[in-house]
Protein backbone atom coordinates (compact mmCIF):
# COMPACT_ATOMS: atom_id res chain seq x y z
CA MET A 1 -25.78 -12.01 -19.59
CA ALA A 2 -24.76 -14.42 -16.86
CA GLU A 3 -23.56 -12.81 -13.68
CA SER A 4 -20.27 -14.72 -13.74
CA GLN A 5 -19.48 -13.22 -17.15
CA HIS A 6 -20.63 -9.70 -16.27
CA HIS A 7 -17.83 -7.67 -14.67
CA ARG A 8 -18.22 -4.00 -13.84
CA HIS A 9 -15.41 -1.87 -12.61
CA HIS A 10 -16.41 1.40 -11.03
CA LEU A 11 -14.20 4.15 -9.71
CA PHE A 12 -14.37 3.07 -6.07
CA HIS A 13 -15.76 -0.46 -6.37
CA HIS A 14 -13.07 -2.45 -8.08
CA GLN A 15 -13.54 -6.17 -8.33
CA LYS A 16 -11.35 -7.90 -5.78
CA GLU A 17 -8.81 -10.36 -7.08
CA GLU A 18 -8.73 -13.76 -5.49
CA VAL A 19 -5.61 -14.69 -3.57
CA LYS A 20 -4.06 -17.70 -5.23
CA PRO A 21 -1.98 -19.90 -2.97
CA CYS A 22 1.42 -20.88 -4.26
CA GLU A 23 2.22 -24.46 -5.01
CA ALA A 24 3.73 -26.57 -2.29
CA VAL A 25 7.49 -26.61 -2.65
CA TYR A 26 9.61 -29.42 -1.31
CA SER A 27 13.33 -29.65 -1.82
CA GLU A 28 15.82 -32.07 -0.31
CA THR A 29 19.57 -31.86 -0.80
CA ASN A 30 21.96 -34.58 0.32
CA THR A 31 25.65 -33.81 0.65
CA TYR A 32 28.28 -36.46 1.29
CA TYR A 33 31.83 -35.77 2.44
CA THR A 34 34.52 -37.38 4.55
CA ASP A 35 35.02 -36.19 8.07
CA GLY A 36 38.82 -36.46 7.97
CA TYR A 37 38.91 -39.65 10.07
CA GLY A 38 37.91 -42.04 7.30
CA GLY A 39 34.17 -41.81 7.94
CA LEU A 40 31.47 -40.65 5.58
CA VAL A 41 29.17 -37.83 6.71
CA GLU A 42 25.79 -37.13 5.15
CA THR A 43 23.99 -33.81 5.60
CA THR A 44 20.43 -33.30 4.47
CA GLU A 45 18.82 -29.93 3.89
CA VAL A 46 15.04 -29.96 3.56
CA VAL A 47 13.06 -26.92 2.47
CA ALA A 48 9.27 -26.96 2.46
CA ALA A 49 7.03 -23.97 1.80
CA THR A 50 3.30 -23.61 1.33
CA GLY A 51 0.91 -20.72 1.61
CA ASP A 52 0.05 -17.48 -0.08
CA THR A 53 2.58 -15.41 -1.93
CA VAL A 54 2.61 -11.65 -1.58
CA ASP A 55 3.35 -9.49 -4.60
CA TYR A 56 5.28 -6.66 -2.96
CA GLU A 57 5.79 -4.84 -6.26
CA LYS A 58 2.04 -4.71 -6.77
CA GLN A 59 1.56 -3.45 -3.21
CA GLU A 60 4.24 -0.81 -3.71
CA LYS A 61 2.53 0.38 -6.90
CA HIS A 62 -0.83 0.53 -5.12
CA TYR A 63 0.59 2.55 -2.22
CA LYS A 64 2.31 4.92 -4.66
CA HIS A 65 -0.99 5.46 -6.47
CA MET A 66 -2.83 6.11 -3.21
CA GLU A 67 -0.06 8.48 -2.06
CA HIS A 68 -0.50 10.49 -5.26
CA LEU A 69 -4.26 10.60 -4.72
CA GLY A 70 -3.68 11.92 -1.19
CA GLU A 71 -1.35 14.60 -2.53
CA LEU A 72 -3.89 15.55 -5.18
CA GLY A 73 -6.64 15.79 -2.57
CA THR A 74 -4.44 17.98 -0.38
CA ALA A 75 -3.72 20.32 -3.28
CA ALA A 76 -7.40 20.50 -4.28
CA ALA A 77 -8.60 21.18 -0.72
CA GLY A 78 -5.90 23.83 -0.22
CA THR A 79 -6.91 25.53 -3.44
CA TYR A 80 -10.55 25.47 -2.41
CA ALA A 81 -9.63 26.98 0.99
CA LEU A 82 -7.82 29.85 -0.75
CA HIS A 83 -10.84 30.33 -3.03
CA GLU A 84 -13.16 30.57 -0.03
CA LYS A 85 -10.83 33.04 1.66
CA TYR A 86 -10.97 35.18 -1.47
CA LYS A 87 -14.78 34.94 -1.58
CA MET A 88 -14.94 35.88 2.12
CA GLU A 89 -13.18 39.18 1.36
CA LYS A 90 -15.31 39.87 -1.75
CA ASP A 91 -18.68 38.92 -0.24
CA PRO A 92 -18.95 40.44 3.26
CA GLU A 93 -22.67 39.51 3.54
CA HIS A 94 -21.86 35.80 3.56
CA ALA A 95 -18.43 36.08 5.15
CA HIS A 96 -19.27 33.66 7.97
CA LYS A 97 -20.36 30.95 5.52
CA HIS A 98 -17.18 31.36 3.49
CA GLU A 99 -15.07 31.33 6.65
CA MET A 100 -16.61 28.04 7.77
CA GLU A 101 -16.10 26.47 4.34
CA GLU A 102 -12.49 27.69 4.35
CA GLU A 103 -11.85 26.04 7.73
CA ILE A 104 -13.43 22.79 6.56
CA ALA A 105 -11.30 22.82 3.41
CA GLU A 106 -8.19 23.42 5.52
CA ALA A 107 -9.05 20.42 7.70
CA VAL A 108 -9.59 18.27 4.61
CA ALA A 109 -6.21 19.41 3.24
CA VAL A 110 -4.48 18.40 6.47
CA GLY A 111 -6.25 15.03 6.41
CA GLY A 112 -5.19 14.47 2.81
CA GLY A 113 -1.59 15.26 3.72
CA ILE A 114 -1.66 12.81 6.60
CA PHE A 115 -3.15 10.14 4.32
CA ALA A 116 -0.43 10.76 1.72
CA LEU A 117 2.25 10.47 4.42
CA HIS A 118 0.70 7.22 5.68
CA GLU A 119 0.68 5.74 2.18
CA HIS A 120 4.28 6.90 1.66
CA HIS A 121 5.37 4.92 4.72
CA ASP A 122 3.41 1.87 3.56
CA LYS A 123 5.09 2.15 0.14
CA LYS A 124 8.54 2.28 1.77
CA GLU A 125 7.68 -0.75 3.92
CA ALA A 126 6.54 -2.74 0.87
CA ALA A 127 9.74 -1.81 -0.95
CA GLN A 128 11.86 -2.96 2.00
CA GLU A 129 9.97 -6.25 2.23
CA ASP A 130 10.40 -6.74 -1.51
CA HIS A 131 14.15 -6.40 -1.15
CA GLY A 132 14.28 -8.55 1.99
CA LYS A 133 15.49 -5.76 4.27
CA LYS A 134 12.48 -5.57 6.56
CA HIS A 135 12.68 -7.21 9.99
CA HIS A 136 9.27 -7.65 11.57
CA HIS A 137 9.06 -6.43 15.11
CA LEU A 138 6.18 -7.15 17.43
CA PHE A 139 6.30 -3.73 19.08
């Protein structure tokens, strides 16, 4: 099978979509009116736009999905930490090993929570940009 026809989508290696530039848009509007003194006034409004379009709804959906994955990871790591704490009490011979694994799982749970919070803020930002409410600040 030719490589151009062969597409594989794996869990973490999704095929990247190409960014398609939007068509060049050119609009010109002429308006004629009298200025009140017997003269004719012409105003011209020209709008030109080129470049890439951003699908904010798609971004918002992506960030929501990633936020849910972060929440799921936090819950899983927290559950594993509780499991290791239980095993530490039940298996005193290997208590140190279980204690270390519990601490690692706690750190992973905190990291997952921070990731979920980060994605939540990105999702809110994409939603604001989609509705035209976002003002970009340099700092």
